Amino acid sequence: MERGRLRAVVFDVGHVLYEWDIRHLYARLIPDPARLEWFLANVVTRAWHFQHDAGRPFAETSAELIARFPDEADLIRAYGPRWLETIPGPVPGSLELVARLADQGVPLFAITNFAAEFWAMFRPTAPVFDRFTDIIVSGEERLMKPDPAIFALARKRFGLGDGEALFVDDQPANVAAAEAAGWLGHRFESAERLAADLSRLGLLAEEGAPAATR
């Protein structure tokens, strides 16, 4: 199959555009360090949270968890309404990089492993996504990276074929899945390193330089 010209960037969200950690919420609610570590390791864990990214509603997952840890019911119930407190802010430099790409006419997309109900809370707080053409949210589609099916959906919905997109994600398995789907991949470590890669690939002009014709 003929490869198209690289012309778009597809971003992950967590740990690429915005920081995320359950600890940011519960450090405010559990002052004892040892108890905090126990709670994060045994009760509200990352593995438990990832059920939401796969499409399960918080009402179901929290009820199951409370049944297992009834003494922690109030803390478990706090997770849903206070979920935004798990996001302390953007990854340094990333939103500025998105703005530069958008200002230079580069089409922007995203594929994120994100609970549908939490995305509905978060999206209005993040106007940066107004610059994106389309965003695939795993909890809405009930498909999660690195499942090839979510990349097949993205190729179709975004209209980006082989070689036409650079996919940016912090997880090696997700980058590998995007490359297997026909896109270029970049494992995110910092906005500075990503900017250098985007410049090398001709997607990002130097600041102050005219944008390439697309």
Protein backbone atom coordinates (compact mmCIF):
# COMPACT_ATOMS: atom_id res chain seq x y z
CA MET A 1 0.00 0.00 0.00
CA GLU A 2 1.30 3.45 -0.92
CA ARG A 3 2.18 5.53 2.08
CA GLY A 4 0.76 9.02 2.42
CA ARG A 5 2.72 12.14 3.39
CA LEU A 6 3.08 12.73 7.12
CA ARG A 7 0.62 15.50 7.90
CA ALA A 8 -1.05 15.08 11.32
CA VAL A 9 -0.32 14.38 14.99
CA VAL A 10 -2.39 12.03 17.16
CA PHE A 11 -1.87 12.58 20.89
CA ASP A 12 -2.43 10.53 23.99
CA VAL A 13 -3.77 12.66 26.87
CA GLY A 14 -2.61 11.30 30.26
CA HIS A 15 1.09 11.85 30.98
CA VAL A 16 1.50 13.48 27.55
CA LEU A 17 -0.75 16.53 27.70
CA TYR A 18 -1.92 16.35 31.33
CA GLU A 19 -0.49 14.76 34.44
CA TRP A 20 -2.66 12.22 36.25
CA ASP A 21 -2.27 10.32 39.51
CA ILE A 22 -4.85 9.02 41.98
CA ARG A 23 -2.45 10.06 44.74
CA HIS A 24 -3.14 13.76 44.11
CA LEU A 25 -6.68 13.32 45.39
CA TYR A 26 -6.12 10.93 48.27
CA ALA A 27 -3.08 12.72 49.69
CA ARG A 28 -5.59 15.45 50.60
CA LEU A 29 -7.98 13.01 52.22
CA ILE A 30 -5.61 10.62 54.04
CA PRO A 31 -2.99 12.52 56.08
CA ASP A 32 -1.21 9.45 57.45
CA PRO A 33 1.50 8.40 54.91
CA ALA A 34 1.43 4.70 55.77
CA ARG A 35 -2.35 4.53 55.53
CA LEU A 36 -2.26 6.44 52.23
CA GLU A 37 0.18 3.91 50.75
CA TRP A 38 -1.97 1.00 51.94
CA PHE A 39 -5.13 2.56 50.50
CA LEU A 40 -3.57 3.21 47.08
CA ALA A 41 -2.07 -0.27 46.93
CA ASN A 42 -5.17 -2.17 48.04
CA VAL A 43 -8.37 -0.16 47.67
CA VAL A 44 -8.52 2.58 45.02
CA THR A 45 -5.79 1.23 42.77
CA ARG A 46 -4.80 2.05 39.21
CA ALA A 47 -6.00 -1.40 38.11
CA TRP A 48 -9.41 -0.71 39.65
CA HIS A 49 -9.55 2.68 37.94
CA PHE A 50 -8.74 1.24 34.51
CA GLN A 51 -12.13 -0.51 34.52
CA HIS A 52 -13.65 2.93 33.94
CA ASP A 53 -11.42 3.51 30.92
CA ALA A 54 -12.80 0.25 29.51
CA GLY A 55 -16.37 1.53 29.84
CA ARG A 56 -17.60 0.44 33.29
CA PRO A 57 -19.54 3.11 35.21
CA PHE A 58 -18.31 4.39 38.55
CA ALA A 59 -21.63 3.50 40.19
CA GLU A 60 -20.94 -0.18 39.53
CA THR A 61 -17.24 -0.28 40.33
CA SER A 62 -17.61 1.76 43.52
CA ALA A 63 -20.44 -0.46 44.80
CA GLU A 64 -18.29 -3.55 44.26
CA LEU A 65 -15.32 -1.94 45.99
CA ILE A 66 -17.38 -0.77 48.96
CA ALA A 67 -18.67 -4.32 49.38
CA ARG A 68 -15.05 -5.47 49.70
CA PHE A 69 -13.89 -2.55 51.88
CA PRO A 70 -16.95 -1.26 53.77
CA ASP A 71 -14.81 0.70 56.23
CA GLU A 72 -13.46 2.75 53.30
CA ALA A 73 -16.88 3.60 51.85
CA ASP A 74 -16.64 7.37 52.24
CA LEU A 75 -13.20 7.53 50.65
CA ILE A 76 -14.27 5.29 47.76
CA ARG A 77 -17.41 7.35 47.15
CA ALA A 78 -15.28 10.52 46.98
CA TYR A 79 -13.44 9.27 43.92
CA GLY A 80 -16.25 9.96 41.45
CA PRO A 81 -17.32 13.51 42.32
CA ARG A 82 -13.75 14.59 43.13
CA TRP A 83 -12.05 12.86 40.21
CA LEU A 84 -10.79 16.10 38.70
CA GLU A 85 -8.46 16.40 41.68
CA THR A 86 -6.45 13.48 40.27
CA ILE A 87 -5.21 15.86 37.54
CA PRO A 88 -2.79 18.43 38.98
CA GLY A 89 -2.24 20.25 35.68
CA PRO A 90 -0.70 20.03 32.22
CA VAL A 91 2.58 18.34 31.39
CA PRO A 92 5.21 21.13 31.18
CA GLY A 93 5.46 22.51 27.66
CA SER A 94 2.91 20.21 26.06
CA LEU A 95 -0.03 22.60 25.69
CA GLU A 96 2.28 25.24 24.26
CA LEU A 97 3.48 22.68 21.72
CA VAL A 98 -0.12 21.87 20.75
CA ALA A 99 -0.76 25.59 20.23
CA ARG A 100 2.28 25.90 17.96
CA LEU A 101 1.18 22.93 15.88
CA ALA A 102 -2.36 24.24 15.57
CA ASP A 103 -1.18 27.74 14.65
CA GLN A 104 0.96 26.20 11.91
CA GLY A 105 -2.01 24.34 10.46
CA VAL A 106 -1.14 20.79 11.55
CA PRO A 107 -4.30 18.67 12.02
CA LEU A 108 -4.53 17.41 15.61
CA PHE A 109 -6.32 14.33 16.94
CA ALA A 110 -6.26 12.24 20.13
CA ILE A 111 -6.82 8.68 21.30
CA THR A 112 -7.14 8.46 25.05
CA ASN A 113 -7.81 5.70 27.55
CA PHE A 114 -10.30 7.71 29.59
CA ALA A 115 -13.58 6.96 31.35
CA ALA A 116 -16.54 8.47 29.52
CA GLU A 117 -18.05 10.04 32.64
CA PHE A 118 -14.71 11.45 33.80
CA TRP A 119 -14.00 12.79 30.30
CA ALA A 120 -17.35 14.59 30.45
CA MET A 121 -16.14 16.26 33.67
CA PHE A 122 -12.65 17.02 32.39
CA ARG A 123 -13.24 18.18 28.82
CA PRO A 124 -14.90 21.52 29.76
CA THR A 125 -11.85 22.40 31.90
CA ALA A 126 -9.41 21.88 29.00
CA PRO A 127 -10.01 24.34 26.14
CA VAL A 128 -6.86 23.09 24.43
CA PHE A 129 -9.02 20.35 22.93
CA ASP A 130 -10.97 22.96 20.97
CA ARG A 131 -7.98 22.83 18.63
CA PHE A 132 -8.43 19.10 17.96
CA THR A 133 -10.37 17.81 14.96
CA ASP A 134 -11.52 14.62 16.70
CA ILE A 135 -10.86 12.68 19.92
CA ILE A 136 -11.49 8.99 20.51
CA VAL A 137 -12.27 8.22 24.17
CA SER A 138 -11.89 4.58 25.18
CA GLY A 139 -14.72 4.62 27.70
CA GLU A 140 -17.15 5.83 25.04
CA GLU A 141 -16.05 3.24 22.48
CA ARG A 142 -15.40 0.41 24.98
CA LEU A 143 -12.06 -0.14 23.26
CA MET A 144 -8.71 0.53 24.91
CA LYS A 145 -5.18 1.06 23.67
CA PRO A 146 -3.22 -0.99 22.72
CA ASP A 147 -6.09 -3.01 21.18
CA PRO A 148 -5.61 -2.88 17.38
CA ALA A 149 -9.36 -2.27 17.06
CA ILE A 150 -9.11 1.23 18.53
CA PHE A 151 -6.40 2.15 16.03
CA ALA A 152 -8.46 0.73 13.18
CA LEU A 153 -11.35 2.91 14.35
CA ALA A 154 -9.08 5.93 14.56
CA ARG A 155 -7.67 5.44 11.06
CA LYS A 156 -11.19 5.33 9.67
CA ARG A 157 -12.64 8.17 11.72
CA PHE A 158 -9.64 10.47 11.39
CA GLY A 159 -9.09 9.69 7.71
CA LEU A 160 -5.38 9.04 8.29
CA GLY A 161 -3.77 6.20 6.39
CA ASP A 162 -0.33 4.64 6.38
CA GLY A 163 2.42 7.14 7.13
CA GLU A 164 0.07 10.10 7.48
CA ALA A 165 0.17 10.53 11.27
CA LEU A 166 2.65 10.67 14.11
CA PHE A 167 1.20 9.01 17.22
CA VAL A 168 2.49 10.31 20.58
CA ASP A 169 2.07 8.23 23.75
CA ASP A 170 4.05 7.56 26.91
CA GLN A 171 3.38 3.79 26.86
CA PRO A 172 5.64 1.68 24.62
CA ALA A 173 2.89 -0.88 23.94
CA ASN A 174 0.59 1.84 22.63
CA VAL A 175 3.30 3.30 20.41
CA ALA A 176 4.05 -0.17 19.04
CA ALA A 177 0.35 -0.73 18.31
CA ALA A 178 0.13 2.54 16.41
CA GLU A 179 3.19 1.64 14.37
CA ALA A 180 1.67 -1.77 13.61
CA ALA A 181 -1.43 0.09 12.40
CA GLY A 182 0.67 2.03 9.89
CA TRP A 183 1.48 5.28 11.64
CA LEU A 184 4.79 6.66 12.89
CA GLY A 185 5.29 6.50 16.64
CA HIS A 186 6.93 8.68 19.27
CA ARG A 187 7.32 7.56 22.87
CA PHE A 188 6.75 10.68 24.91
CA GLU A 189 9.35 11.65 27.51
CA SER A 190 9.22 15.45 27.40
CA ALA A 191 7.77 18.26 25.32
CA GLU A 192 11.29 19.32 24.39
CA ARG A 193 12.15 15.92 22.94
CA LEU A 194 8.82 15.76 21.11
CA ALA A 195 9.37 19.23 19.64
CA ALA A 196 12.74 18.11 18.31
CA ASP A 197 11.18 15.04 16.69
CA LEU A 198 8.35 17.08 15.18
CA SER A 199 10.88 19.52 13.72
CA ARG A 200 12.98 16.68 12.32
CA LEU A 201 9.91 15.22 10.65
CA GLY A 202 8.90 18.56 9.14
CA LEU A 203 5.71 18.94 11.17
CA LEU A 204 6.87 21.86 13.31
CA ALA A 205 8.54 25.00 12.07
CA GLU A 206 10.94 26.90 14.29
CA GLU A 207 9.23 29.58 16.37
CA GLY A 208 8.97 32.71 14.25
CA ALA A 209 9.51 30.81 11.01
CA PRO A 210 6.72 30.60 8.42
CA ALA A 211 4.62 27.45 8.54
CA ALA A 212 5.03 24.94 5.75
CA THR A 213 2.24 24.80 3.18
CA ARG A 214 -0.03 21.84 3.86
